[in-house]
N, C-alpha and C. Protein backbone atom coordinates (compact mmCIF):
# COMPACT_ATOMS: atom_id res chain seq x y z
N MET A 1 1.84 12.80 21.16
CA MET A 1 1.30 14.16 22.08
C MET A 1 1.13 14.87 20.75
N SER A 2 0.17 15.84 21.30
CA SER A 2 -0.19 16.57 20.30
C SER A 2 -0.07 18.05 20.82
N ILE A 3 -0.51 18.90 19.56
CA ILE A 3 -0.04 20.28 19.73
C ILE A 3 -0.71 20.84 20.72
N GLN A 4 -2.10 20.23 21.35
CA GLN A 4 -2.58 21.11 22.40
C GLN A 4 -1.77 21.04 23.42
N LEU A 5 -1.33 19.96 23.92
CA LEU A 5 -0.27 19.82 25.09
C LEU A 5 0.90 20.70 25.22
N ALA A 6 1.68 21.22 23.55
CA ALA A 6 2.32 22.00 23.71
C ALA A 6 1.76 23.64 24.05
N ILE A 7 1.00 23.48 23.31
CA ILE A 7 0.18 25.16 23.76
C ILE A 7 -0.15 25.49 25.08
N LEU A 8 -0.86 24.35 25.51
CA LEU A 8 -1.12 24.62 27.24
C LEU A 8 0.59 24.79 27.80
N GLY A 9 1.72 23.96 27.57
CA GLY A 9 3.12 24.36 27.96
C GLY A 9 3.18 25.85 28.02
N ILE A 10 2.65 26.35 26.71
CA ILE A 10 3.14 27.53 26.34
C ILE A 10 2.51 28.24 27.53
N LEU A 11 1.18 28.38 27.12
CA LEU A 11 0.34 29.16 28.08
C LEU A 11 0.13 29.01 29.56
N SER A 12 1.09 28.26 29.96
CA SER A 12 1.52 27.73 31.85
C SER A 12 2.35 28.82 32.00
N TRP A 13 3.08 29.75 30.81
CA TRP A 13 4.34 29.90 31.06
C TRP A 13 3.56 31.75 30.99
N LYS A 14 2.70 31.78 29.60
CA LYS A 14 2.72 33.32 29.68
C LYS A 14 1.28 33.22 28.30
N SER A 15 0.26 34.06 28.68
CA SER A 15 -0.44 34.21 28.20
C SER A 15 -0.35 34.42 26.56
N SER A 16 -0.93 34.16 25.37
CA SER A 16 -0.29 34.78 23.77
C SER A 16 -1.41 34.36 22.96
N THR A 17 -0.97 35.24 22.16
CA THR A 17 -1.77 35.20 20.88
C THR A 17 -1.87 34.17 20.02
N GLY A 18 -2.30 33.91 19.08
CA GLY A 18 -1.81 32.84 17.96
C GLY A 18 -1.16 32.72 17.47
N TYR A 19 -0.45 34.04 16.60
CA TYR A 19 0.57 34.70 16.01
C TYR A 19 1.95 34.21 17.14
N GLU A 20 1.44 34.32 18.57
CA GLU A 20 2.78 34.69 19.13
C GLU A 20 3.56 32.98 19.15
N LEU A 21 2.24 32.13 19.89
CA LEU A 21 2.33 30.82 19.84
C LEU A 21 2.92 30.32 18.21
N LYS A 22 2.24 30.64 16.89
CA LYS A 22 3.37 29.86 15.92
C LYS A 22 4.58 30.22 16.08
N LYS A 23 5.30 32.21 16.41
CA LYS A 23 6.73 32.17 16.39
C LYS A 23 7.49 31.66 17.18
N ILE A 24 6.61 31.00 18.24
CA ILE A 24 7.15 30.04 19.52
C ILE A 24 7.65 28.57 18.70
N PHE A 25 6.70 28.32 18.23
CA PHE A 25 7.15 26.99 17.56
C PHE A 25 8.20 26.78 16.57
N GLU A 26 7.95 28.30 15.63
CA GLU A 26 8.99 28.26 14.29
C GLU A 26 10.41 28.39 14.78
N ASP A 27 10.49 28.98 16.21
CA ASP A 27 11.85 29.01 16.89
C ASP A 27 12.49 28.16 17.44
N SER A 28 11.63 27.17 18.03
CA SER A 28 11.68 25.83 18.65
C SER A 28 12.71 24.66 17.93
N SER A 29 13.81 24.39 18.60
CA SER A 29 14.32 23.55 18.39
C SER A 29 13.83 21.29 18.64
N PHE A 30 12.49 21.48 19.41
CA PHE A 30 12.21 20.58 19.74
C PHE A 30 10.64 20.50 19.35
N MET A 31 9.80 21.78 19.83
CA MET A 31 8.74 21.27 19.42
C MET A 31 8.26 21.50 18.11
N TYR A 32 8.19 19.98 17.57
CA TYR A 32 8.45 20.18 16.12
C TYR A 32 7.07 20.56 15.28
N TRP A 33 6.35 20.86 15.65
CA TRP A 33 4.88 21.01 14.74
C TRP A 33 5.36 22.13 13.73
N SER A 34 4.88 22.27 12.62
CA SER A 34 5.00 23.35 11.60
C SER A 34 4.70 24.54 12.18
N GLY A 35 3.31 24.91 12.93
CA GLY A 35 3.05 25.47 14.13
C GLY A 35 2.47 26.33 12.68
N ASN A 36 0.97 25.89 11.80
CA ASN A 36 0.90 26.70 10.53
C ASN A 36 -0.75 27.20 11.55
N ASN A 37 -1.42 28.44 11.12
CA ASN A 37 -1.98 29.15 11.52
C ASN A 37 -3.40 28.05 11.88
N ASN A 38 -3.90 27.58 11.09
CA ASN A 38 -4.73 26.09 11.07
C ASN A 38 -4.72 25.64 12.13
N GLN A 39 -3.49 24.85 12.25
CA GLN A 39 -3.27 23.79 13.10
C GLN A 39 -3.50 24.42 14.83
N ILE A 40 -2.75 25.56 14.67
CA ILE A 40 -2.94 26.46 15.99
C ILE A 40 -4.24 26.95 16.26
N TYR A 41 -5.15 27.16 15.57
CA TYR A 41 -6.47 28.26 15.71
C TYR A 41 -6.89 27.11 16.19
N LYS A 42 -7.19 26.05 15.39
CA LYS A 42 -8.08 24.96 15.35
C LYS A 42 -7.91 24.41 17.35
N ALA A 43 -6.75 23.95 17.52
CA ALA A 43 -6.48 23.28 19.03
C ALA A 43 -6.82 24.12 19.69
N LEU A 44 -6.56 26.00 19.59
CA LEU A 44 -7.19 27.32 20.60
C LEU A 44 -8.86 26.55 20.77
N MET A 45 -9.53 26.52 19.47
CA MET A 45 -10.50 26.34 19.83
C MET A 45 -11.16 25.44 20.36
N ASN A 46 -10.71 24.05 19.94
CA ASN A 46 -10.97 22.90 21.16
C ASN A 46 -11.03 22.88 22.70
N MET A 47 -9.54 23.69 22.68
CA MET A 47 -9.44 23.63 24.18
C MET A 47 -10.15 24.85 25.01
N GLU A 48 -10.40 25.66 23.99
CA GLU A 48 -11.73 26.86 24.77
C GLU A 48 -12.57 26.18 25.05
N ASN A 49 -13.51 25.12 23.85
CA ASN A 49 -14.22 24.17 24.27
C ASN A 49 -14.13 23.13 25.41
N GLU A 50 -13.28 22.78 25.74
CA GLU A 50 -12.98 22.27 26.56
C GLU A 50 -12.69 22.70 28.02
N ASP A 51 -12.51 24.24 28.16
CA ASP A 51 -12.35 25.00 28.89
C ASP A 51 -11.11 25.01 29.47
N PHE A 52 -10.02 24.68 28.77
CA PHE A 52 -8.84 23.85 28.97
C PHE A 52 -7.88 26.00 28.95
N VAL A 53 -8.84 26.64 28.10
CA VAL A 53 -8.31 27.86 27.87
C VAL A 53 -9.30 29.13 27.74
N THR A 54 -9.12 30.16 28.24
CA THR A 54 -9.80 31.40 27.68
C THR A 54 -9.49 32.50 26.82
N SER A 55 -10.10 33.18 26.07
CA SER A 55 -9.79 33.91 25.47
C SER A 55 -10.17 35.62 25.38
N GLU A 56 -9.42 36.47 25.35
CA GLU A 56 -10.02 38.03 25.70
C GLU A 56 -9.49 38.57 24.41
N VAL A 57 -10.36 39.25 23.77
CA VAL A 57 -10.20 40.33 23.03
C VAL A 57 -9.12 41.70 23.25
N VAL A 58 -8.37 41.92 22.57
CA VAL A 58 -7.82 43.55 23.09
C VAL A 58 -7.70 44.20 21.89
N HIS A 59 -8.45 45.65 21.84
CA HIS A 59 -8.60 46.43 21.13
C HIS A 59 -7.27 47.24 20.89
N GLN A 60 -6.74 47.69 19.78
CA GLN A 60 -5.38 48.28 19.93
C GLN A 60 -5.89 49.60 18.62
N ASP A 61 -5.21 50.58 19.16
CA ASP A 61 -5.55 51.72 18.54
C ASP A 61 -5.05 51.74 16.76
N SER A 62 -3.62 51.52 16.72
CA SER A 62 -3.07 51.57 15.23
C SER A 62 -2.67 50.55 14.69
N SER A 63 -3.66 49.38 15.43
CA SER A 63 -3.65 47.98 15.05
C SER A 63 -5.00 46.99 15.01
N PRO A 64 -4.87 45.72 14.10
CA PRO A 64 -6.09 45.21 14.70
C PRO A 64 -6.28 44.51 16.00
N SER A 65 -7.24 44.26 16.74
CA SER A 65 -7.55 43.36 17.73
C SER A 65 -6.42 42.35 17.63
N LYS A 66 -6.41 41.99 18.75
CA LYS A 66 -5.46 40.31 19.08
C LYS A 66 -6.34 39.88 20.00
N LYS A 67 -6.31 38.70 19.77
CA LYS A 67 -7.07 37.67 20.89
C LYS A 67 -6.13 36.98 21.61
N ILE A 68 -6.13 37.01 22.66
CA ILE A 68 -4.95 36.56 24.04
C ILE A 68 -5.20 35.57 24.30
N TYR A 69 -4.77 34.26 24.55
CA TYR A 69 -5.57 33.18 25.17
C TYR A 69 -4.83 32.90 26.08
N THR A 70 -5.03 32.38 27.68
CA THR A 70 -4.70 32.43 28.66
C THR A 70 -5.17 30.85 29.31
N ILE A 71 -4.35 30.15 29.89
CA ILE A 71 -4.43 28.61 30.42
C ILE A 71 -5.16 28.66 31.66
N THR A 72 -6.10 28.27 31.45
CA THR A 72 -7.11 28.13 32.95
C THR A 72 -7.09 26.94 34.08
N GLU A 73 -7.40 26.90 35.09
CA GLU A 73 -7.21 25.97 36.05
C GLU A 73 -7.54 24.21 35.61
N GLU A 74 -8.38 24.26 34.44
CA GLU A 74 -8.65 22.82 34.21
C GLU A 74 -7.23 22.76 33.35
N GLY A 75 -6.92 23.75 32.37
CA GLY A 75 -6.34 23.56 31.43
C GLY A 75 -4.61 23.20 32.38
N LEU A 76 -4.22 23.69 33.27
CA LEU A 76 -3.09 23.18 34.19
C LEU A 76 -3.25 21.81 34.73
N LYS A 77 -4.35 21.15 35.17
CA LYS A 77 -4.95 20.33 35.26
C LYS A 77 -4.46 18.76 34.40
N GLU A 78 -5.00 19.67 33.38
CA GLU A 78 -4.63 18.49 32.31
C GLU A 78 -3.23 18.89 31.54
N LEU A 79 -2.11 19.60 31.53
CA LEU A 79 -0.98 19.58 31.73
C LEU A 79 -0.25 18.86 32.81
N LYS A 80 -0.58 18.83 33.75
CA LYS A 80 -0.06 18.23 35.04
C LYS A 80 -0.37 16.94 34.87
N LYS A 81 -1.73 16.44 34.30
CA LYS A 81 -1.84 14.96 33.76
C LYS A 81 -0.79 14.25 32.99
N TRP A 82 -0.90 15.20 31.85
CA TRP A 82 -0.08 14.89 30.62
C TRP A 82 1.67 14.68 31.28
N LEU A 83 2.04 15.84 32.20
CA LEU A 83 3.33 15.95 32.22
C LEU A 83 3.74 14.60 33.44
N VAL A 84 3.16 14.38 34.60
CA VAL A 84 3.03 13.04 35.29
C VAL A 84 2.83 11.45 34.43
N SER A 85 2.36 11.46 32.62
CA SER A 85 2.21 10.20 32.31
C SER A 85 3.65 9.61 31.88
N SER A 86 3.81 8.50 31.29
CA SER A 86 5.22 7.48 31.00
C SER A 86 5.60 8.15 29.50
N PRO A 87 6.67 8.85 29.59
CA PRO A 87 7.11 9.03 28.28
C PRO A 87 7.56 8.35 27.15
N GLU A 88 7.12 8.74 26.13
CA GLU A 88 7.56 8.09 24.94
C GLU A 88 8.80 7.67 24.60
N ALA A 89 9.40 6.69 24.31
CA ALA A 89 10.53 6.53 23.55
C ALA A 89 10.75 7.72 22.35
N PRO A 90 12.05 7.96 21.90
CA PRO A 90 11.94 8.66 20.93
C PRO A 90 11.71 7.97 19.79
N GLU A 91 11.35 8.56 18.69
CA GLU A 91 11.32 7.71 17.17
C GLU A 91 12.68 8.31 16.59
N ILE A 92 13.49 7.61 15.81
CA ILE A 92 14.34 8.22 14.78
C ILE A 92 13.77 8.00 13.41
N LYS A 93 13.59 8.95 12.99
CA LYS A 93 13.29 9.48 11.47
C LYS A 93 14.44 10.13 10.89
N LYS A 94 15.37 9.78 10.30
CA LYS A 94 16.34 10.32 9.47
C LYS A 94 16.49 9.83 7.93
N THR A 95 15.64 11.17 7.60
CA THR A 95 15.10 10.46 5.57
C THR A 95 17.05 10.34 5.11
N PHE A 96 17.67 10.55 5.78
CA PHE A 96 19.25 10.22 5.16
C PHE A 96 19.34 9.27 5.70
N LEU A 97 19.19 8.55 6.38
CA LEU A 97 19.76 6.94 6.67
C LEU A 97 18.92 6.41 5.65
N VAL A 98 17.56 6.69 5.27
CA VAL A 98 16.51 5.92 3.76
C VAL A 98 17.79 6.27 2.70
N GLN A 99 17.84 7.56 2.37
CA GLN A 99 19.04 7.47 0.95
C GLN A 99 20.00 6.89 1.19
N LEU A 100 20.76 7.05 2.53
CA LEU A 100 22.50 6.28 2.48
C LEU A 100 22.37 4.35 2.14
N ALA A 101 21.18 4.54 2.66
CA ALA A 101 20.59 2.63 2.92
C ALA A 101 20.64 2.54 1.28
N TRP A 102 20.30 3.21 0.07
CA TRP A 102 20.80 2.92 -1.52
C TRP A 102 21.53 3.02 -2.05
N SER A 103 22.69 3.45 -1.29
CA SER A 103 23.44 4.55 -1.97
C SER A 103 24.87 3.96 -2.50
N ASP A 104 24.73 2.42 -2.77
CA ASP A 104 25.89 1.75 -3.20
C ASP A 104 25.98 1.78 -4.38
N MET A 105 24.80 2.07 -4.96
CA MET A 105 24.68 2.11 -6.33
C MET A 105 25.40 3.61 -6.61
N LEU A 106 26.16 4.44 -6.17
CA LEU A 106 26.49 5.67 -6.84
C LEU A 106 28.15 5.14 -6.80
N SER A 107 28.98 6.09 -7.42
CA SER A 107 30.51 5.53 -7.45
C SER A 107 31.01 6.84 -5.98
N ASN A 108 32.20 6.64 -5.70
CA ASN A 108 32.90 6.66 -4.69
C ASN A 108 32.59 8.30 -4.94
N GLN A 109 32.63 8.99 -5.80
CA GLN A 109 33.10 10.76 -5.76
C GLN A 109 31.60 10.59 -5.62
N GLU A 110 30.51 10.20 -5.99
CA GLU A 110 29.06 10.78 -6.14
C GLU A 110 28.68 9.96 -4.36
N LEU A 111 29.42 9.33 -3.98
CA LEU A 111 28.73 8.98 -2.58
C LEU A 111 29.68 9.87 -1.53
N SER A 112 30.97 10.38 -1.78
CA SER A 112 31.84 11.40 -0.72
C SER A 112 31.20 12.63 -0.76
N GLU A 113 30.39 13.39 -1.97
CA GLU A 113 29.93 14.11 -2.40
C GLU A 113 28.84 14.27 -1.34
N VAL A 114 27.66 13.47 -1.22
CA VAL A 114 26.57 13.20 -0.36
C VAL A 114 26.59 13.24 0.71
N LEU A 115 27.93 12.41 1.44
CA LEU A 115 28.07 12.73 2.41
C LEU A 115 28.63 13.76 2.70
N SER A 116 29.11 14.62 2.34
CA SER A 116 29.58 15.63 2.18
C SER A 116 28.72 16.66 2.20
N LYS A 117 27.75 16.84 1.67
CA LYS A 117 26.51 17.96 1.58
C LYS A 117 25.69 17.56 2.80
N TYR A 118 25.81 16.49 3.40
CA TYR A 118 25.23 16.20 4.54
C TYR A 118 25.94 16.28 5.86
N GLU A 119 26.66 16.30 6.02
CA GLU A 119 28.29 16.71 7.14
C GLU A 119 28.06 17.85 6.59
N ASN A 120 27.77 19.42 5.84
CA ASN A 120 27.72 20.64 5.69
C ASN A 120 26.35 21.04 6.70
N GLU A 121 25.29 20.20 6.02
CA GLU A 121 24.19 20.82 6.36
C GLU A 121 23.99 20.63 8.23
N ILE A 122 24.87 19.31 8.74
CA ILE A 122 24.78 19.23 10.09
C ILE A 122 25.36 20.40 10.44
N LYS A 123 26.73 20.53 10.02
CA LYS A 123 27.34 21.63 10.62
C LYS A 123 26.50 23.02 10.54
N LEU A 124 25.90 23.22 9.76
CA LEU A 124 25.07 24.49 9.69
C LEU A 124 23.83 24.21 10.68
N GLN A 125 23.47 23.59 10.66
CA GLN A 125 22.65 23.28 12.22
C GLN A 125 22.72 23.37 13.27
N LEU A 126 24.17 22.40 13.32
CA LEU A 126 25.03 22.94 15.11
C LEU A 126 25.24 24.77 15.07
N ILE A 127 25.48 25.02 14.23
CA ILE A 127 25.54 26.44 14.04
C ILE A 127 24.48 27.04 14.67
N MET A 128 23.53 26.99 13.54
CA MET A 128 21.89 27.76 14.49
C MET A 128 21.81 26.92 15.90
N GLN A 129 21.74 26.06 16.01
CA GLN A 129 21.35 25.14 17.55
C GLN A 129 22.37 26.02 18.68
N ASN A 130 23.38 26.19 18.66
CA ASN A 130 24.39 26.84 19.67
C ASN A 130 24.07 28.57 19.50
N GLU A 131 23.70 29.27 18.29
CA GLU A 131 23.31 30.19 18.56
C GLU A 131 21.98 30.92 19.48
N LYS A 132 20.62 29.66 19.11
CA LYS A 132 19.77 29.68 19.58
C LYS A 132 20.14 29.20 21.21
N TYR A 133 20.52 28.57 21.73
CA TYR A 133 20.82 28.13 22.98
C TYR A 133 21.87 29.30 23.96
N ARG A 134 22.50 29.96 22.85
CA ARG A 134 23.19 30.82 23.31
C ARG A 134 22.17 32.39 23.44
N ARG A 135 21.16 32.59 22.60
CA ARG A 135 20.26 33.53 22.62
C ARG A 135 19.18 33.31 23.68
N ALA A 136 18.81 31.65 23.54
CA ALA A 136 17.56 31.57 24.82
C ALA A 136 16.30 32.17 24.30
N LEU A 137 16.04 32.15 23.60
CA LEU A 137 14.77 32.98 22.94
C LEU A 137 13.60 32.11 23.27
N HIS A 138 12.43 32.34 24.06
CA HIS A 138 11.63 31.69 24.11
C HIS A 138 11.60 30.93 25.21
N SER A 139 12.33 31.04 26.09
CA SER A 139 12.54 29.83 27.48
C SER A 139 12.24 30.74 28.61
N PRO A 140 11.43 30.44 29.14
CA PRO A 140 10.77 31.09 30.46
C PRO A 140 11.53 31.19 31.16
N ASN A 141 12.54 31.05 32.22
CA ASN A 141 13.48 30.85 33.10
C ASN A 141 12.91 31.41 34.02
N ARG A 142 11.25 31.04 34.70
CA ARG A 142 10.84 31.87 36.29
C ARG A 142 11.62 30.90 37.09
N SER A 143 12.17 30.25 36.93
CA SER A 143 12.96 29.44 38.34
C SER A 143 14.54 28.70 37.68
N THR A 144 15.22 28.69 38.76
CA THR A 144 16.73 28.32 38.61
C THR A 144 16.02 26.69 38.01
N ARG A 145 15.54 26.10 38.67
CA ARG A 145 14.94 24.51 37.77
C ARG A 145 14.70 24.62 36.10
N GLU A 146 13.80 25.72 36.25
CA GLU A 146 13.23 25.41 35.03
C GLU A 146 14.23 25.94 34.05
N SER A 147 15.08 27.02 34.40
CA SER A 147 16.02 27.36 33.40
C SER A 147 17.36 26.16 33.15
N LEU A 148 17.64 25.63 34.09
CA LEU A 148 18.21 24.54 34.10
C LEU A 148 17.92 23.32 33.01
N ILE A 149 16.40 22.86 33.25
CA ILE A 149 15.59 22.20 32.31
C ILE A 149 15.92 22.79 30.95
N TRP A 150 15.92 23.74 30.37
CA TRP A 150 15.97 24.27 29.25
C TRP A 150 17.01 24.32 28.98
N GLU A 151 17.75 24.78 29.59
CA GLU A 151 19.33 24.43 29.53
C GLU A 151 20.18 22.77 28.69
N MET A 152 19.30 22.21 29.39
CA MET A 152 19.43 20.60 29.56
C MET A 152 18.85 20.15 27.99
N ILE A 153 17.84 20.47 27.68
CA ILE A 153 16.89 20.51 26.63
C ILE A 153 18.05 21.00 25.35
N SER A 154 18.60 21.88 25.30
CA SER A 154 19.39 22.50 24.49
C SER A 154 20.38 21.90 24.27
N GLU A 155 21.36 21.61 25.64
CA GLU A 155 22.30 20.24 25.26
C GLU A 155 22.27 19.30 24.87
N ASN A 156 20.93 18.28 24.66
CA ASN A 156 20.04 17.39 24.05
C ASN A 156 20.77 17.42 22.42
N ILE A 157 19.81 18.88 22.24
CA ILE A 157 19.79 18.63 20.70
C ILE A 157 20.97 18.99 20.22
N ILE A 158 22.11 19.57 20.72
CA ILE A 158 23.31 20.04 20.20
C ILE A 158 24.47 18.83 20.17
N SER A 159 23.81 17.84 21.56
CA SER A 159 24.75 16.96 21.41
C SER A 159 24.16 15.73 20.57
N THR A 160 23.10 15.94 20.00
CA THR A 160 22.56 15.12 18.50
C THR A 160 23.14 15.20 17.40
N TYR A 161 23.48 16.35 17.29
CA TYR A 161 24.30 17.31 15.89
C TYR A 161 25.44 16.96 16.09
N ASN A 162 25.85 16.74 17.29
CA ASN A 162 27.66 16.33 17.14
C ASN A 162 27.81 15.14 17.07
N ASN A 163 26.73 14.46 17.56
CA ASN A 163 26.83 12.76 17.66
C ASN A 163 26.49 12.54 16.44
N GLU A 164 25.75 13.08 15.49
CA GLU A 164 25.42 13.05 14.05
C GLU A 164 26.30 13.37 12.96
N LEU A 165 27.31 14.46 13.37
CA LEU A 165 28.45 15.06 12.83
C LEU A 165 29.79 14.13 12.79
N ASN A 166 29.94 13.40 13.84
CA ASN A 166 30.78 12.37 14.33
C ASN A 166 30.74 11.19 13.52
N TRP A 167 29.29 10.55 13.39
CA TRP A 167 29.03 9.16 12.80
C TRP A 167 29.51 9.98 11.34
N VAL A 168 28.69 10.86 10.40
CA VAL A 168 29.44 10.64 9.21
C VAL A 168 30.23 10.86 9.07
N ARG A 169 31.44 11.79 9.91
CA ARG A 169 32.70 11.43 9.72
C ARG A 169 33.36 10.05 9.65
N GLU A 170 32.99 9.39 10.77
CA GLU A 170 33.60 7.83 10.98
C GLU A 170 33.07 7.01 9.48
N THR A 171 31.73 7.28 9.38
CA THR A 171 30.80 6.68 8.12
C THR A 171 31.60 6.95 6.65
N ARG A 172 32.48 8.15 6.72
CA ARG A 172 33.22 8.10 5.44
C ARG A 172 34.17 7.59 5.69
N GLN A 173 34.85 7.60 7.02
CA GLN A 173 36.44 6.98 6.58
C GLN A 173 36.20 5.77 6.78
N LYS A 174 35.28 4.87 7.53
CA LYS A 174 35.08 3.48 7.04
C LYS A 174 34.73 3.26 5.58
N LEU A 175 34.10 4.29 5.06
CA LEU A 175 33.46 3.51 4.18
C LEU A 175 35.13 3.30 3.24
N PHE A 176 35.28 4.79 2.68
CA PHE A 176 35.97 4.32 1.96
C PHE A 176 37.83 4.23 2.36
N ALA A 177 37.95 3.91 3.39
CA ALA A 177 38.84 2.49 3.71
C ALA A 177 38.73 1.29 3.43
N ASN A 178 37.56 0.71 3.20
CA ASN A 178 36.90 -0.27 2.64
C ASN A 178 36.82 -0.26 1.09
N GLU A 179 37.00 0.84 0.65
CA GLU A 179 37.13 0.92 -0.92
C GLU A 179 38.37 0.57 -1.57
N VAL A 180 39.28 1.58 -0.80
CA VAL A 180 40.39 1.08 -1.12
C VAL A 180 40.87 -0.59 -0.51
N MET A 181 40.71 -0.99 0.45
CA MET A 181 40.93 -2.34 0.39
C MET A 181 40.69 -3.56 -0.60
N GLU A 182 39.18 -2.94 -0.73
CA GLU A 182 38.27 -3.77 -2.00
C GLU A 182 39.10 -3.57 -3.46
N GLU A 183 39.50 -2.31 -3.63
CA GLU A 183 40.38 -1.94 -5.23
C GLU A 183 41.93 -2.75 -4.93
N LYS A 184 42.70 -2.96 -3.65
CA LYS A 184 43.57 -4.11 -3.20
C LYS A 184 43.34 -5.53 -3.50
N ASP A 185 42.68 -5.83 -3.53
CA ASP A 185 41.49 -7.16 -3.46
C ASP A 185 41.87 -7.52 -5.00
N LYS A 186 41.75 -6.69 -5.50
CA LYS A 186 41.52 -7.32 -7.24
C LYS A 186 42.52 -7.03 -7.85
């Protein structure tokens, strides 16, 4: 999936400036692009060349002019073509799992500290996700079904963090239960 498709999705909801798109990417929990200006504006230029979007310069008295992008019929067709295509399986990329894989060289105390830091990071992410869900920033809400879809996306993300939190707690419990048994075997 490319950033272009995510931009087309946003523009199908509302016309936006490049800056507004950047803010939506930054605030999103599931649109994972960094949303840097170069990436966004390059995608917008490409999509304008392909007639997927149009732009209009709006002059403002007290601020610089801004360029507002709007999805075209061709852009809507491209977005729908992608929407009905086969979904990709999720990729699992967790840096912590790579870190944990080689953690046998740590002492019990060091390993416990690493697990605690990870657990605290997950708790923080969970708090942030719950707050994003509560605020419902940048969710279209054009219909009851669309509101439910965005709610379910938020629930998916929150449940992922809850599962990770449960997993790290279970990992700690099992690791240190085994350490006690190994000590008894000596």
